[in-house]
Amino acid sequence: MQEIYDLAIVGTGPAGLTAAIFGQRLGLKCVVFGNTPGGNLYMIQNIENYPGFPEGISGTSLGVQLFSQAQKQGAYLTMRLCKVLKKQAGLFSLADQEDVEYLAKAVVLASGLSPKLPDIPIKVKSGVHLCTMCDGPLYRGKEASLAVIGGGNTAGTHVLQLMNIAKEIHLIHRGNELKMEWALESRIKDVKNLTIWLSAEVLEVVGEEHVESVVIRQGEETRKISVDGIFLSVGWEPKLEYAKISINKTPEGYIITDSQLCTSELGVFAAGDIRDTEVRQIITAAADGAKAAYAAFKYLISKHL
């Protein structure tokens, strides 16, 4: 007979792993979907606003610690993404990338956000990146000129991670002012090899095999900036194609929950950046995970499941 889990958790970021830790401690048998310990945390070189780490902690380290803690509590971590989530005979059926099926009585959706891609023609085969921690070192020692497209916290973090790698950095933002935290903006404005282009629209990425330049427009003026690589940071968006269940979402695709993180689908809860919330930080995602696990626990008790 197929094993039935009390709680299935989709996502191995701070929200999902915290839900697994608290779910197991509440006596729930949890299965977790996701192939990267910490989710997108690996993209952050140094986290400076997570309580308990006055000198900061790398995203990779925090993600591994959360993962290890969930594992120590007894959660089963599939190390595979969830391919399909659907209802089946009063339970929830979840299939991973290898089409292995798992059954659960309740679900926490904590699959986070995916990087947005800009609406510009990009035909080059190499030189366009999303992660400075992953791909920034490729340019070390090459006297490279690099462009960062975006104006939020991710873009600011990219600049700090590239400042000792690149010869020069061009921060290109379509808005007339940066939208990152004040502390981060203050730090990047001290970066000597940085040029900031505001109210600048990217029209084209030029190159065949590899990036050669980027064309921008500021007002009536169009200019071409020679660069060796581009790091995209134009925002994030939820992706819930795997969820074949009916849940209410905002027009932008974020999951709508009540104060207890319940969704419109009975037995399904949402936590972290994927839900409709004003603040999206690591600590709020972790808090959501704990709260969603407790809400799932109360739901299962009330239904005598």
Foldseek 3Di string as FASTA:
>chain_A
DADEWAEEEAAQALQRLLLLLLLLVLVTAYEYAAQAQRQPQQLFQFDCPDPPCPVTDRSNVVSVVSVVSSVVSPHHYPNFHWQAWDDDPQWIWTATPVRDIHTHNFYEYEHAWDFDDDPEDDAAADFEAAGCSVCVVVQAPVQFEEEEEAQEPSSLSSLVSNLNRHNAYEYEYLAQHGHYDPVSVVVSVPRPRYDYHYNKAWHHQDDYHFTAWTWIDRPPDIDIGGGRHYHYHHDIADDDPNYPDDWDADPRQAGEADPLQDTPDPRYGYAAPRHDDDDHDSVRRNVRSNSNSVSSVVSCVVVVD
